[in-house]
Amino acid sequence: MDRRRWIDREQRSGLGESREQVLDLLRAAEQALGVREVAERTGLHLNTARFHLDGLVDAGLAVRETEAGGRRGRPRVIYRPSTTAADPAATGARSYRLLAEILTGVATRAHAEPSAVAREAGQDWGRYLADRPAPLRRITAGEAVDKLTAILADIGFAPETVPDEHRPQILLRHCPFREIAEHSQQVVCAIHLGLMQGALAEMRAPVTAERLEPFVQPNLCRAHLSREDGTRPTAG
């Protein structure tokens, strides 16, 4: 058995494109940056930027601090690169795929209905990654689909919206977890469906993700959307 296949080597740093972009930004900045600054400079969603910053902190590549003085109200949380961020050993290959395989197996064995548990977990993360609109703001179905597509793009799904009036879909042309999803669809694909459902629910969108067709082609999954009234929404 080739144990090397468990090592993640798709990105040169093992971080992923978006997270590597955030780390590069921290390294280039003259001073520590807040989440909003990182989001604005990278074009990432605010919560996605926070997600990657916290991931860098967990990996020992960034340091989270509280800004001292100078501002009223709650102190701002800022981030700067750690002293180990330039160390090749700190940004080398990772075995996250192996960890994902283990956790997927745990979920499958520990629950009678792993798909339901996985979908709920996906919904929780979808709500976290989405922006909730102002209390009296009601977004359209098209706006919601566009915002969802942006979230999926940040994660790495390479989504494409098909604005068919009768059967609109979001085509997912790249699965960031493909190797695991190929043999654990009941968990991984359920997480993806739940993530879309949670994000749309957080937006209070008049549309939800109805179902997900995995691997309709070797490099393509298809998400089907529906309105709350049962009709099909059209993307903006």
Protein backbone atom coordinates (compact mmCIF):
# COMPACT_ATOMS: atom_id res chain seq x y z
CA MET A 1 0.00 0.00 0.00
CA ASP A 2 1.29 3.43 -0.94
CA ARG A 3 0.90 5.45 2.27
CA ARG A 4 1.99 8.62 0.47
CA ARG A 5 -1.42 8.86 -1.18
CA TRP A 6 -2.80 10.19 2.11
CA ILE A 7 -0.57 13.27 1.98
CA ASP A 8 -2.24 16.38 0.55
CA ARG A 9 -0.08 17.81 -2.20
CA GLU A 10 -2.50 19.68 -4.48
CA GLN A 11 -1.28 23.09 -3.30
CA ARG A 12 2.37 24.03 -3.01
CA SER A 13 1.92 24.99 0.62
CA GLY A 14 -0.74 22.45 1.58
CA LEU A 15 -3.01 25.36 2.59
CA GLY A 16 -5.34 25.75 -0.35
CA GLU A 17 -5.53 28.71 -2.71
CA SER A 18 -7.71 31.04 -0.61
CA ARG A 19 -5.92 30.36 2.67
CA GLU A 20 -2.56 30.80 1.00
CA GLN A 21 -3.79 34.13 -0.39
CA VAL A 22 -4.73 35.27 3.11
CA LEU A 23 -1.34 34.22 4.48
CA ASP A 24 0.46 36.07 1.68
CA LEU A 25 -1.56 39.18 2.52
CA LEU A 26 -0.60 39.00 6.21
CA ARG A 27 3.05 38.59 5.26
CA ALA A 28 2.97 41.61 2.94
CA ALA A 29 1.11 43.91 5.33
CA GLU A 30 3.10 46.47 7.31
CA GLN A 31 0.90 45.94 10.35
CA ALA A 32 -1.58 43.44 11.72
CA LEU A 33 -4.92 43.28 9.90
CA GLY A 34 -8.51 42.84 11.01
CA VAL A 35 -10.99 40.43 9.44
CA ARG A 36 -12.78 43.14 7.46
CA GLU A 37 -9.52 44.41 6.00
CA VAL A 38 -8.55 40.91 4.91
CA ALA A 39 -11.99 40.33 3.37
CA GLU A 40 -11.88 43.60 1.44
CA ARG A 41 -8.35 43.08 0.10
CA THR A 42 -8.89 39.45 -0.92
CA GLY A 43 -12.49 39.72 -2.10
CA LEU A 44 -13.52 36.91 0.24
CA HIS A 45 -16.77 36.82 2.19
CA LEU A 46 -16.32 38.25 5.71
CA ASN A 47 -16.97 34.95 7.46
CA THR A 48 -14.86 33.06 4.93
CA ALA A 49 -11.96 35.41 5.64
CA ARG A 50 -12.40 34.81 9.38
CA PHE A 51 -12.56 31.06 8.74
CA HIS A 52 -9.21 31.09 6.91
CA LEU A 53 -7.58 33.42 9.45
CA ASP A 54 -8.60 31.15 12.31
CA GLY A 55 -7.33 28.18 10.31
CA LEU A 56 -3.94 29.87 9.96
CA VAL A 57 -3.89 30.50 13.71
CA ASP A 58 -4.71 26.82 14.38
CA ALA A 59 -1.88 25.82 12.02
CA GLY A 60 0.58 28.05 13.87
CA LEU A 61 1.05 30.32 10.84
CA ALA A 62 -0.69 33.40 12.22
CA VAL A 63 -1.19 35.04 15.59
CA ARG A 64 -4.51 36.41 16.82
CA GLU A 65 -4.28 39.53 19.02
CA THR A 66 -6.52 42.18 20.54
CA GLU A 67 -5.72 45.68 19.35
CA ALA A 68 -4.58 47.89 22.18
CA GLY A 69 -6.37 51.20 22.80
CA GLY A 70 -7.27 53.93 20.35
CA ARG A 71 -10.83 52.76 19.63
CA ARG A 72 -14.09 53.03 21.49
CA GLY A 73 -16.14 49.99 22.32
CA ARG A 74 -15.06 46.39 21.98
CA PRO A 75 -11.33 45.98 21.11
CA ARG A 76 -10.72 44.87 17.54
CA VAL A 77 -9.26 41.42 16.87
CA ILE A 78 -6.28 41.57 14.52
CA TYR A 79 -4.01 39.02 12.88
CA ARG A 80 -0.34 38.95 11.92
CA PRO A 81 1.93 36.21 10.53
CA SER A 82 3.70 34.13 13.15
CA THR A 83 7.45 33.77 13.26
CA THR A 84 7.08 30.21 11.96
CA ALA A 85 5.07 31.25 8.87
CA ALA A 86 8.24 31.36 6.75
CA ASP A 87 9.43 27.96 7.98
CA PRO A 88 9.07 25.31 5.23
CA ALA A 89 8.29 22.72 7.89
CA ALA A 90 5.31 24.81 9.00
CA THR A 91 3.78 25.01 5.51
CA GLY A 92 4.78 21.57 4.22
CA ALA A 93 2.60 18.67 3.19
CA ARG A 94 -0.40 17.83 5.33
CA SER A 95 -2.41 14.63 5.86
CA TYR A 96 -5.83 16.25 6.09
CA ARG A 97 -7.21 13.69 3.66
CA LEU A 98 -6.31 10.91 6.07
CA LEU A 99 -7.99 12.82 8.91
CA ALA A 100 -11.07 13.38 6.74
CA GLU A 101 -11.21 9.67 5.90
CA ILE A 102 -11.03 8.77 9.59
CA LEU A 103 -13.71 11.27 10.63
CA THR A 104 -15.98 10.18 7.79
CA GLY A 105 -15.65 6.61 8.99
CA VAL A 106 -16.43 7.67 12.55
CA ALA A 107 -19.60 9.47 11.40
CA THR A 108 -20.72 6.46 9.37
CA ARG A 109 -20.23 4.01 12.22
CA ALA A 110 -21.47 6.18 15.08
CA HIS A 111 -24.88 7.09 13.67
CA ALA A 112 -27.76 5.05 12.33
CA GLU A 113 -28.47 7.82 9.80
CA PRO A 114 -25.09 9.39 8.98
CA SER A 115 -26.54 11.38 6.06
CA ALA A 116 -28.95 13.23 8.34
CA VAL A 117 -26.22 14.05 10.86
CA ALA A 118 -23.87 15.17 8.08
CA ARG A 119 -26.53 17.38 6.52
CA GLU A 120 -27.21 19.07 9.87
CA ALA A 121 -23.48 19.73 10.31
CA GLY A 122 -23.37 21.21 6.82
CA GLN A 123 -26.34 23.43 7.63
CA ASP A 124 -24.56 24.78 10.70
CA TRP A 125 -21.51 25.72 8.65
CA GLY A 126 -23.63 27.13 5.84
CA ARG A 127 -25.32 29.48 8.30
CA TYR A 128 -21.91 30.52 9.62
CA LEU A 129 -20.49 31.29 6.17
CA ALA A 130 -23.49 33.31 4.96
CA ASP A 131 -24.29 36.96 5.63
CA ARG A 132 -27.63 37.51 7.34
CA PRO A 133 -29.43 40.48 5.77
CA ALA A 134 -30.74 43.40 7.83
CA PRO A 135 -33.96 42.62 9.74
CA LEU A 136 -36.33 44.24 7.23
CA ARG A 137 -34.35 43.35 4.13
CA ARG A 138 -35.73 40.62 1.91
CA ILE A 139 -33.41 39.38 -0.80
CA THR A 140 -34.70 37.95 -4.05
CA ALA A 141 -34.22 34.38 -5.17
CA GLY A 142 -31.73 35.54 -7.79
CA GLU A 143 -29.68 37.47 -5.24
CA ALA A 144 -29.66 34.46 -2.94
CA VAL A 145 -28.44 32.15 -5.72
CA ASP A 146 -25.68 34.62 -6.61
CA LYS A 147 -24.57 34.90 -2.96
CA LEU A 148 -24.60 31.12 -2.55
CA THR A 149 -22.55 30.71 -5.70
CA ALA A 150 -19.96 33.15 -4.31
CA ILE A 151 -19.69 31.13 -1.07
CA LEU A 152 -19.24 27.90 -3.01
CA ALA A 153 -16.57 29.55 -5.16
CA ASP A 154 -14.66 30.66 -2.04
CA ILE A 155 -14.64 27.08 -0.77
CA GLY A 156 -13.34 25.78 -4.09
CA PHE A 157 -16.31 24.18 -5.87
CA ALA A 158 -15.84 26.17 -9.10
CA PRO A 159 -19.63 26.66 -9.33
CA GLU A 160 -21.57 27.71 -12.40
CA THR A 161 -25.16 28.90 -12.27
CA VAL A 162 -27.53 27.65 -14.94
CA PRO A 163 -30.32 30.32 -15.00
CA ASP A 164 -32.98 28.09 -16.52
CA GLU A 165 -36.42 29.48 -15.73
CA HIS A 166 -37.89 26.03 -15.19
CA ARG A 167 -34.96 24.00 -13.86
CA PRO A 168 -32.23 26.31 -12.50
CA GLN A 169 -29.19 24.53 -11.15
CA ILE A 170 -25.77 25.19 -9.73
CA LEU A 171 -23.12 23.09 -11.41
CA LEU A 172 -20.22 22.17 -9.13
CA ARG A 173 -17.27 21.54 -11.43
CA HIS A 174 -14.68 20.84 -8.74
CA CYS A 175 -15.21 18.91 -5.53
CA PRO A 176 -12.63 19.92 -2.90
CA PHE A 177 -13.26 16.56 -1.17
CA ARG A 178 -13.60 14.38 -4.24
CA GLU A 179 -11.37 11.49 -3.18
CA ILE A 180 -13.43 11.01 -0.02
CA ALA A 181 -16.80 11.76 -1.63
CA GLU A 182 -16.27 9.08 -4.27
CA HIS A 183 -16.75 6.33 -1.68
CA SER A 184 -18.50 8.23 1.16
CA GLN A 185 -21.25 10.10 -0.64
CA GLN A 186 -23.78 9.58 2.15
CA VAL A 187 -21.63 11.75 4.43
CA VAL A 188 -19.67 14.15 2.22
CA CYS A 189 -22.42 14.94 -0.28
CA ALA A 190 -24.92 15.35 2.56
CA ILE A 191 -22.59 17.93 4.12
CA HIS A 192 -22.47 19.82 0.81
CA LEU A 193 -26.26 19.82 0.47
CA GLY A 194 -26.66 20.93 4.09
CA LEU A 195 -24.12 23.70 3.60
CA MET A 196 -26.17 25.15 0.74
CA GLN A 197 -29.40 24.79 2.70
CA GLY A 198 -27.92 26.45 5.78
CA ALA A 199 -26.49 29.37 3.82
CA LEU A 200 -29.81 30.04 2.08
CA ALA A 201 -31.69 29.76 5.38
CA GLU A 202 -29.35 32.29 7.03
CA MET A 203 -30.05 34.72 4.18
CA ARG A 204 -33.80 34.20 4.75
CA ALA A 205 -33.90 33.42 1.04
CA PRO A 206 -37.15 32.43 -0.67
CA VAL A 207 -35.28 29.46 -2.10
CA THR A 208 -33.58 26.32 -0.84
CA ALA A 209 -31.33 23.58 -2.16
CA GLU A 210 -33.70 20.77 -2.96
CA ARG A 211 -31.27 17.97 -3.80
CA LEU A 212 -27.73 17.29 -4.93
CA GLU A 213 -26.81 14.88 -7.72
CA PRO A 214 -23.22 13.72 -7.13
CA PHE A 215 -20.91 12.86 -10.02
CA VAL A 216 -23.36 13.12 -12.90
CA GLN A 217 -20.09 13.35 -14.81
CA PRO A 218 -16.62 12.49 -13.48
CA ASN A 219 -15.96 16.17 -12.64
CA LEU A 220 -19.47 17.48 -12.19
CA CYS A 221 -22.12 17.49 -9.47
CA ARG A 222 -25.48 19.21 -9.91
CA ALA A 223 -27.50 21.07 -7.24
CA HIS A 224 -31.22 21.57 -7.86
CA LEU A 225 -32.96 24.58 -6.30
CA SER A 226 -36.60 25.30 -5.50
CA ARG A 227 -38.63 28.16 -4.08
CA GLU A 228 -40.55 27.90 -0.85
CA ASP A 229 -43.73 27.87 -2.93
CA GLY A 230 -42.46 24.91 -4.92
CA THR A 231 -41.56 26.82 -8.10
CA ARG A 232 -38.07 27.05 -9.53
CA PRO A 233 -36.05 30.23 -8.99
CA THR A 234 -34.05 32.02 -11.66
CA ALA A 235 -30.56 33.30 -10.84
CA GLY A 236 -29.83 36.99 -11.27
